[in-house]
Amino acid sequence: MTDQMNSNETSETQKSREVAVGEDGTPGFKKKVWLWLLMCCVVPIALIGLGKKVALVIWVLLGRA
């Protein structure tokens, strides 16, 4: 079914239906929370784990020389 405007609807009514409202009443609140969690928690933990593996490989290679 297509989303056609009703003759009784104004363009503002149509736009307000399209905007997703977050829990605190602002659009995109959940996206901001997930972005913060990703950038401030998951990415640094992944980089620390990767850094440990790289350091281990370098330590092993230098130990053999």
N, C-alpha and C. Protein backbone atom coordinates (compact mmCIF):
# COMPACT_ATOMS: atom_id res chain seq x y z
N MET A 1 0.85 -1.17 0.00
CA MET A 1 0.00 0.00 0.00
C MET A 1 0.90 1.24 0.00
N THR A 2 0.57 2.21 -0.81
CA THR A 2 1.38 3.42 -0.88
C THR A 2 0.97 4.38 0.21
N ASP A 3 1.91 5.24 0.57
CA ASP A 3 1.65 6.23 1.62
C ASP A 3 1.29 7.55 0.96
N GLN A 4 0.03 7.67 0.55
CA GLN A 4 -0.41 8.88 -0.12
C GLN A 4 -1.05 9.81 0.90
N MET A 5 -0.90 11.12 0.64
CA MET A 5 -1.46 12.10 1.54
C MET A 5 -2.98 12.16 1.42
N ASN A 6 -3.63 12.20 2.53
CA ASN A 6 -5.07 12.36 2.56
C ASN A 6 -5.39 13.81 2.21
N SER A 7 -6.51 14.07 1.61
CA SER A 7 -6.86 15.44 1.25
C SER A 7 -7.05 16.32 2.48
N ASN A 8 -7.37 15.72 3.63
CA ASN A 8 -7.56 16.47 4.87
C ASN A 8 -6.26 16.72 5.62
N GLU A 9 -5.17 16.07 5.18
CA GLU A 9 -3.89 16.18 5.88
C GLU A 9 -3.06 17.32 5.31
N THR A 10 -2.37 18.02 6.18
CA THR A 10 -1.42 19.03 5.71
C THR A 10 -0.05 18.39 5.61
N SER A 11 0.89 19.09 5.00
CA SER A 11 2.24 18.54 4.86
C SER A 11 2.92 18.42 6.23
N GLU A 12 2.58 19.29 7.18
CA GLU A 12 3.17 19.20 8.53
C GLU A 12 2.72 17.93 9.23
N THR A 13 1.46 17.57 9.06
CA THR A 13 0.95 16.34 9.67
C THR A 13 1.68 15.14 9.08
N GLN A 14 1.91 15.17 7.78
CA GLN A 14 2.62 14.08 7.11
C GLN A 14 4.05 13.97 7.63
N LYS A 15 4.74 15.10 7.77
CA LYS A 15 6.13 15.10 8.23
C LYS A 15 6.22 14.62 9.68
N SER A 16 5.27 15.01 10.52
CA SER A 16 5.33 14.62 11.93
C SER A 16 5.16 13.12 12.08
N ARG A 17 4.45 12.49 11.17
CA ARG A 17 4.29 11.04 11.23
C ARG A 17 5.57 10.32 10.83
N GLU A 18 6.39 10.96 9.95
CA GLU A 18 7.60 10.33 9.45
C GLU A 18 8.75 10.41 10.43
N VAL A 19 8.76 11.38 11.34
CA VAL A 19 9.87 11.57 12.28
C VAL A 19 9.74 10.57 13.42
N ALA A 20 10.80 9.81 13.65
CA ALA A 20 10.81 8.87 14.76
C ALA A 20 11.21 9.62 16.02
N VAL A 21 10.40 9.51 17.04
CA VAL A 21 10.66 10.22 18.29
C VAL A 21 11.24 9.24 19.28
N GLY A 22 12.37 9.61 19.91
CA GLY A 22 13.03 8.75 20.88
C GLY A 22 12.35 8.79 22.23
N GLU A 23 12.95 8.08 23.19
CA GLU A 23 12.36 7.96 24.52
C GLU A 23 12.29 9.29 25.25
N ASP A 24 13.26 10.15 25.01
CA ASP A 24 13.25 11.44 25.71
C ASP A 24 12.53 12.52 24.91
N GLY A 25 11.91 12.14 23.81
CA GLY A 25 11.16 13.10 23.02
C GLY A 25 11.94 13.74 21.90
N THR A 26 13.23 13.42 21.76
CA THR A 26 14.01 13.98 20.67
C THR A 26 14.26 12.91 19.62
N PRO A 27 14.27 13.31 18.36
CA PRO A 27 14.52 12.33 17.31
C PRO A 27 15.91 11.73 17.40
N GLY A 28 16.00 10.46 17.18
CA GLY A 28 17.29 9.81 17.12
C GLY A 28 17.98 9.59 18.45
N PHE A 29 17.26 9.62 19.55
CA PHE A 29 17.89 9.45 20.86
C PHE A 29 18.55 8.08 20.97
N LYS A 30 17.85 7.04 20.53
CA LYS A 30 18.41 5.70 20.62
C LYS A 30 19.65 5.55 19.74
N LYS A 31 19.66 6.20 18.58
CA LYS A 31 20.83 6.14 17.71
C LYS A 31 22.03 6.77 18.39
N LYS A 32 21.82 7.87 19.09
CA LYS A 32 22.92 8.54 19.78
C LYS A 32 23.47 7.67 20.90
N VAL A 33 22.59 6.99 21.61
CA VAL A 33 23.04 6.11 22.70
C VAL A 33 23.86 4.96 22.14
N TRP A 34 23.36 4.33 21.08
CA TRP A 34 24.11 3.21 20.50
C TRP A 34 25.43 3.67 19.91
N LEU A 35 25.46 4.85 19.30
CA LEU A 35 26.70 5.37 18.75
C LEU A 35 27.71 5.64 19.87
N TRP A 36 27.25 6.21 20.98
CA TRP A 36 28.13 6.46 22.11
C TRP A 36 28.69 5.16 22.67
N LEU A 37 27.82 4.16 22.83
CA LEU A 37 28.28 2.86 23.34
C LEU A 37 29.31 2.24 22.41
N LEU A 38 29.07 2.34 21.11
CA LEU A 38 29.99 1.77 20.15
C LEU A 38 31.33 2.47 20.17
N MET A 39 31.32 3.79 20.13
CA MET A 39 32.56 4.55 20.01
C MET A 39 33.34 4.64 21.32
N CYS A 40 32.67 4.64 22.44
CA CYS A 40 33.35 4.84 23.72
C CYS A 40 33.60 3.55 24.49
N CYS A 41 32.95 2.46 24.13
CA CYS A 41 33.13 1.22 24.88
C CYS A 41 33.65 0.08 24.00
N VAL A 42 32.96 -0.22 22.94
CA VAL A 42 33.29 -1.39 22.13
C VAL A 42 34.59 -1.18 21.35
N VAL A 43 34.72 -0.05 20.68
CA VAL A 43 35.90 0.20 19.85
C VAL A 43 37.19 0.24 20.68
N PRO A 44 37.24 0.95 21.79
CA PRO A 44 38.48 0.93 22.58
C PRO A 44 38.84 -0.47 23.11
N ILE A 45 37.84 -1.24 23.52
CA ILE A 45 38.13 -2.60 23.99
C ILE A 45 38.70 -3.44 22.86
N ALA A 46 38.13 -3.30 21.67
CA ALA A 46 38.64 -4.04 20.52
C ALA A 46 40.06 -3.60 20.17
N LEU A 47 40.34 -2.31 20.24
CA LEU A 47 41.68 -1.82 19.93
C LEU A 47 42.70 -2.29 20.97
N ILE A 48 42.32 -2.34 22.22
CA ILE A 48 43.22 -2.84 23.27
C ILE A 48 43.53 -4.31 23.01
N GLY A 49 42.52 -5.10 22.68
CA GLY A 49 42.74 -6.51 22.38
C GLY A 49 43.63 -6.69 21.17
N LEU A 50 43.43 -5.89 20.13
CA LEU A 50 44.27 -5.97 18.94
C LEU A 50 45.69 -5.54 19.27
N GLY A 51 45.84 -4.51 20.08
CA GLY A 51 47.17 -4.05 20.47
C GLY A 51 47.94 -5.10 21.25
N LYS A 52 47.25 -5.84 22.11
CA LYS A 52 47.90 -6.92 22.86
C LYS A 52 48.40 -8.01 21.93
N LYS A 53 47.60 -8.34 20.92
CA LYS A 53 48.01 -9.38 19.97
C LYS A 53 49.21 -8.92 19.14
N VAL A 54 49.20 -7.68 18.70
CA VAL A 54 50.32 -7.14 17.93
C VAL A 54 51.58 -7.10 18.80
N ALA A 55 51.43 -6.69 20.06
CA ALA A 55 52.58 -6.64 20.96
C ALA A 55 53.14 -8.05 21.20
N LEU A 56 52.27 -9.04 21.32
CA LEU A 56 52.72 -10.41 21.52
C LEU A 56 53.49 -10.91 20.30
N VAL A 57 53.01 -10.62 19.11
CA VAL A 57 53.70 -11.05 17.88
C VAL A 57 55.07 -10.38 17.79
N ILE A 58 55.14 -9.08 18.09
CA ILE A 58 56.42 -8.38 18.05
C ILE A 58 57.37 -8.95 19.09
N TRP A 59 56.87 -9.24 20.29
CA TRP A 59 57.71 -9.80 21.37
C TRP A 59 58.25 -11.16 20.97
N VAL A 60 57.43 -11.99 20.36
CA VAL A 60 57.87 -13.32 19.93
C VAL A 60 58.91 -13.19 18.83
N LEU A 61 58.67 -12.32 17.85
CA LEU A 61 59.62 -12.15 16.74
C LEU A 61 60.94 -11.58 17.22
N LEU A 62 60.93 -10.64 18.17
CA LEU A 62 62.17 -10.09 18.70
C LEU A 62 62.90 -11.08 19.59
N GLY A 63 62.16 -11.94 20.23
CA GLY A 63 62.77 -12.95 21.09
C GLY A 63 63.52 -14.01 20.32
N ARG A 64 63.10 -14.27 19.10
CA ARG A 64 63.78 -15.26 18.26
C ARG A 64 65.04 -14.71 17.62
N ALA A 65 65.14 -13.39 17.49
CA ALA A 65 66.29 -12.82 16.79
C ALA A 65 67.55 -12.82 17.61
